[in-house]
């Protein structure tokens, strides 16, 4: 399992895919933060709830990375790819939570 994870996160193609995935989700989060419906009390509450969920996901993912860094050979590509995909996953969770909360409320 560790060997498979190591081969995935030390692959330059995975890093490039993460870079191109990062751009639209970052723009989407910025748009969701500044759209007119997010500026009222209900919108701020939705963003707050979604941010709590994504912060918890960030804490869990960083701790998993810290534990796995003992097992993995950490070079530039491995570290950059890991941090980038943690960022991508956290932003994806943030977007999904905002959209789910907007649908519910």
C-alpha atoms as a PDB file:
ATOM      1  CA  UNK A   1       0.000   0.000   0.000  1.00  0.00           C
ATOM      2  CA  UNK A   2       2.798   2.415   0.897  1.00  0.00           C
ATOM      3  CA  UNK A   3       4.627   1.558  -2.334  1.00  0.00           C
ATOM      4  CA  UNK A   4       1.509   2.299  -4.396  1.00  0.00           C
ATOM      5  CA  UNK A   5       0.966   5.627  -2.626  1.00  0.00           C
ATOM      6  CA  UNK A   6       4.627   6.495  -3.045  1.00  0.00           C
ATOM      7  CA  UNK A   7       4.537   5.771  -6.762  1.00  0.00           C
ATOM      8  CA  UNK A   8       1.405   7.897  -7.185  1.00  0.00           C
ATOM      9  CA  UNK A   9       2.615  10.984  -5.327  1.00  0.00           C
ATOM     10  CA  UNK A  10       6.103  10.879  -6.843  1.00  0.00           C
ATOM     11  CA  UNK A  11       4.691  10.877 -10.376  1.00  0.00           C
ATOM     12  CA  UNK A  12       5.199  14.132 -12.261  1.00  0.00           C
ATOM     13  CA  UNK A  13       2.020  13.642 -14.295  1.00  0.00           C
ATOM     14  CA  UNK A  14      -0.076  13.485 -11.103  1.00  0.00           C
ATOM     15  CA  UNK A  15       1.564  16.749 -10.040  1.00  0.00           C
ATOM     16  CA  UNK A  16       0.704  18.435 -13.363  1.00  0.00           C
ATOM     17  CA  UNK A  17      -2.895  17.180 -13.207  1.00  0.00           C
ATOM     18  CA  UNK A  18      -3.130  18.593  -9.680  1.00  0.00           C
ATOM     19  CA  UNK A  19      -1.836  21.930 -10.900  1.00  0.00           C
ATOM     20  CA  UNK A  20      -4.466  22.167 -13.618  1.00  0.00           C
ATOM     21  CA  UNK A  21      -7.193  20.967 -11.245  1.00  0.00           C
ATOM     22  CA  UNK A  22      -6.175  23.616  -8.714  1.00  0.00           C
ATOM     23  CA  UNK A  23      -6.921  26.572 -10.982  1.00  0.00           C
ATOM     24  CA  UNK A  24     -10.682  26.083 -11.553  1.00  0.00           C
ATOM     25  CA  UNK A  25     -11.460  25.030  -7.988  1.00  0.00           C
ATOM     26  CA  UNK A  26      -9.590  28.031  -6.571  1.00  0.00           C
ATOM     27  CA  UNK A  27     -11.564  30.331  -8.870  1.00  0.00           C
ATOM     28  CA  UNK A  28     -14.793  28.546  -7.891  1.00  0.00           C
ATOM     29  CA  UNK A  29     -14.121  29.046  -4.176  1.00  0.00           C
ATOM     30  CA  UNK A  30     -13.349  32.734  -4.700  1.00  0.00           C
ATOM     31  CA  UNK A  31     -16.550  33.166  -6.716  1.00  0.00           C
ATOM     32  CA  UNK A  32     -18.613  31.309  -4.090  1.00  0.00           C
ATOM     33  CA  UNK A  33     -17.160  33.528  -1.355  1.00  0.00           C
ATOM     34  CA  UNK A  34     -17.950  36.794  -3.148  1.00  0.00           C
ATOM     35  CA  UNK A  35     -21.239  35.997  -4.873  1.00  0.00           C
ATOM     36  CA  UNK A  36     -24.091  38.244  -3.731  1.00  0.00           C
ATOM     37  CA  UNK A  37     -25.975  35.477  -1.878  1.00  0.00           C
ATOM     38  CA  UNK A  38     -22.924  34.815   0.305  1.00  0.00           C
ATOM     39  CA  UNK A  39     -22.876  38.320   1.733  1.00  0.00           C
ATOM     40  CA  UNK A  40     -25.995  38.088   3.889  1.00  0.00           C
ATOM     41  CA  UNK A  41     -26.317  36.326   7.248  1.00  0.00           C
ATOM     42  CA  UNK A  42     -27.538  33.072   5.717  1.00  0.00           C
ATOM     43  CA  UNK A  43     -24.688  33.016   3.178  1.00  0.00           C
ATOM     44  CA  UNK A  44     -22.079  33.699   5.826  1.00  0.00           C
ATOM     45  CA  UNK A  45     -23.499  30.925   8.001  1.00  0.00           C
ATOM     46  CA  UNK A  46     -23.275  28.512   5.063  1.00  0.00           C
ATOM     47  CA  UNK A  47     -19.668  29.502   4.360  1.00  0.00           C
ATOM     48  CA  UNK A  48     -18.859  29.171   8.056  1.00  0.00           C
ATOM     49  CA  UNK A  49     -20.276  25.646   8.276  1.00  0.00           C
ATOM     50  CA  UNK A  50     -18.502  24.598   5.088  1.00  0.00           C
ATOM     51  CA  UNK A  51     -15.245  26.101   6.326  1.00  0.00           C
ATOM     52  CA  UNK A  52     -15.454  24.141   9.563  1.00  0.00           C
ATOM     53  CA  UNK A  53     -15.863  20.910   7.597  1.00  0.00           C
ATOM     54  CA  UNK A  54     -12.968  21.712   5.283  1.00  0.00           C
ATOM     55  CA  UNK A  55     -10.757  22.719   8.223  1.00  0.00           C
ATOM     56  CA  UNK A  56     -11.419  19.364   9.885  1.00  0.00           C
ATOM     57  CA  UNK A  57     -10.553  17.625   6.596  1.00  0.00           C
ATOM     58  CA  UNK A  58      -7.346  19.676   6.392  1.00  0.00           C
ATOM     59  CA  UNK A  59      -6.317  18.682   9.922  1.00  0.00           C
ATOM     60  CA  UNK A  60      -6.975  15.000   9.202  1.00  0.00           C
ATOM     61  CA  UNK A  61      -5.122  15.044   5.877  1.00  0.00           C
ATOM     62  CA  UNK A  62      -2.089  16.890   7.259  1.00  0.00           C
ATOM     63  CA  UNK A  63      -1.849  14.421  10.133  1.00  0.00           C
ATOM     64  CA  UNK A  64      -2.060  11.497   7.710  1.00  0.00           C
ATOM     65  CA  UNK A  65       0.704  13.098   5.625  1.00  0.00           C
ATOM     66  CA  UNK A  66       2.841  13.617   8.723  1.00  0.00           C
ATOM     67  CA  UNK A  67       2.457   9.962   9.726  1.00  0.00           C
ATOM     68  CA  UNK A  68       3.180   8.725   6.195  1.00  0.00           C
ATOM     69  CA  UNK A  69       6.248  10.950   5.797  1.00  0.00           C
ATOM     70  CA  UNK A  70       8.125   8.541   8.064  1.00  0.00           C
ATOM     71  CA  UNK A  71       7.431   5.730   5.593  1.00  0.00           C
ATOM     72  CA  UNK A  72       7.946   7.678   2.345  1.00  0.00           C
ATOM     73  CA  UNK A  73      11.070   9.095   0.780  1.00  0.00           C
ATOM     74  CA  UNK A  74      10.269  12.787   0.848  1.00  0.00           C
ATOM     75  CA  UNK A  75      11.815  14.756  -1.989  1.00  0.00           C
ATOM     76  CA  UNK A  76      10.632  17.922  -3.706  1.00  0.00           C
ATOM     77  CA  UNK A  77       8.151  16.233  -6.041  1.00  0.00           C
ATOM     78  CA  UNK A  78       6.620  14.037  -3.343  1.00  0.00           C
ATOM     79  CA  UNK A  79       6.202  16.944  -0.942  1.00  0.00           C
ATOM     80  CA  UNK A  80       4.848  19.334  -3.579  1.00  0.00           C
ATOM     81  CA  UNK A  81       2.417  16.770  -4.961  1.00  0.00           C
ATOM     82  CA  UNK A  82       1.178  15.801  -1.497  1.00  0.00           C
ATOM     83  CA  UNK A  83       0.624  19.356  -0.352  1.00  0.00           C
ATOM     84  CA  UNK A  84      -1.020  20.293  -3.624  1.00  0.00           C
ATOM     85  CA  UNK A  85      -3.460  17.383  -3.482  1.00  0.00           C
ATOM     86  CA  UNK A  86      -4.245  18.141   0.161  1.00  0.00           C
ATOM     87  CA  UNK A  87      -5.078  21.695  -0.952  1.00  0.00           C
ATOM     88  CA  UNK A  88      -7.175  20.388  -3.854  1.00  0.00           C
ATOM     89  CA  UNK A  89      -9.101  17.961  -1.653  1.00  0.00           C
ATOM     90  CA  UNK A  90      -9.795  20.617   0.985  1.00  0.00           C
ATOM     91  CA  UNK A  91     -11.078  23.085  -1.613  1.00  0.00           C
ATOM     92  CA  UNK A  92     -13.212  20.397  -3.238  1.00  0.00           C
ATOM     93  CA  UNK A  93     -14.742  19.604   0.158  1.00  0.00           C
ATOM     94  CA  UNK A  94     -15.333  23.324   0.728  1.00  0.00           C
ATOM     95  CA  UNK A  95     -17.132  23.712  -2.616  1.00  0.00           C
ATOM     96  CA  UNK A  96     -19.198  20.572  -2.109  1.00  0.00           C
ATOM     97  CA  UNK A  97     -20.202  21.617   1.413  1.00  0.00           C
ATOM     98  CA  UNK A  98     -21.206  25.108   0.281  1.00  0.00           C
ATOM     99  CA  UNK A  99     -23.330  23.717  -2.551  1.00  0.00           C
ATOM    100  CA  UNK A 100     -24.937  21.092  -0.307  1.00  0.00           C
ATOM    101  CA  UNK A 101     -25.745  23.641   2.414  1.00  0.00           C
ATOM    102  CA  UNK A 102     -27.180  26.060  -0.172  1.00  0.00           C
ATOM    103  CA  UNK A 103     -29.389  23.267  -1.486  1.00  0.00           C
ATOM    104  CA  UNK A 104     -30.550  22.281   2.021  1.00  0.00           C
ATOM    105  CA  UNK A 105     -31.290  25.793   3.327  1.00  0.00           C
END
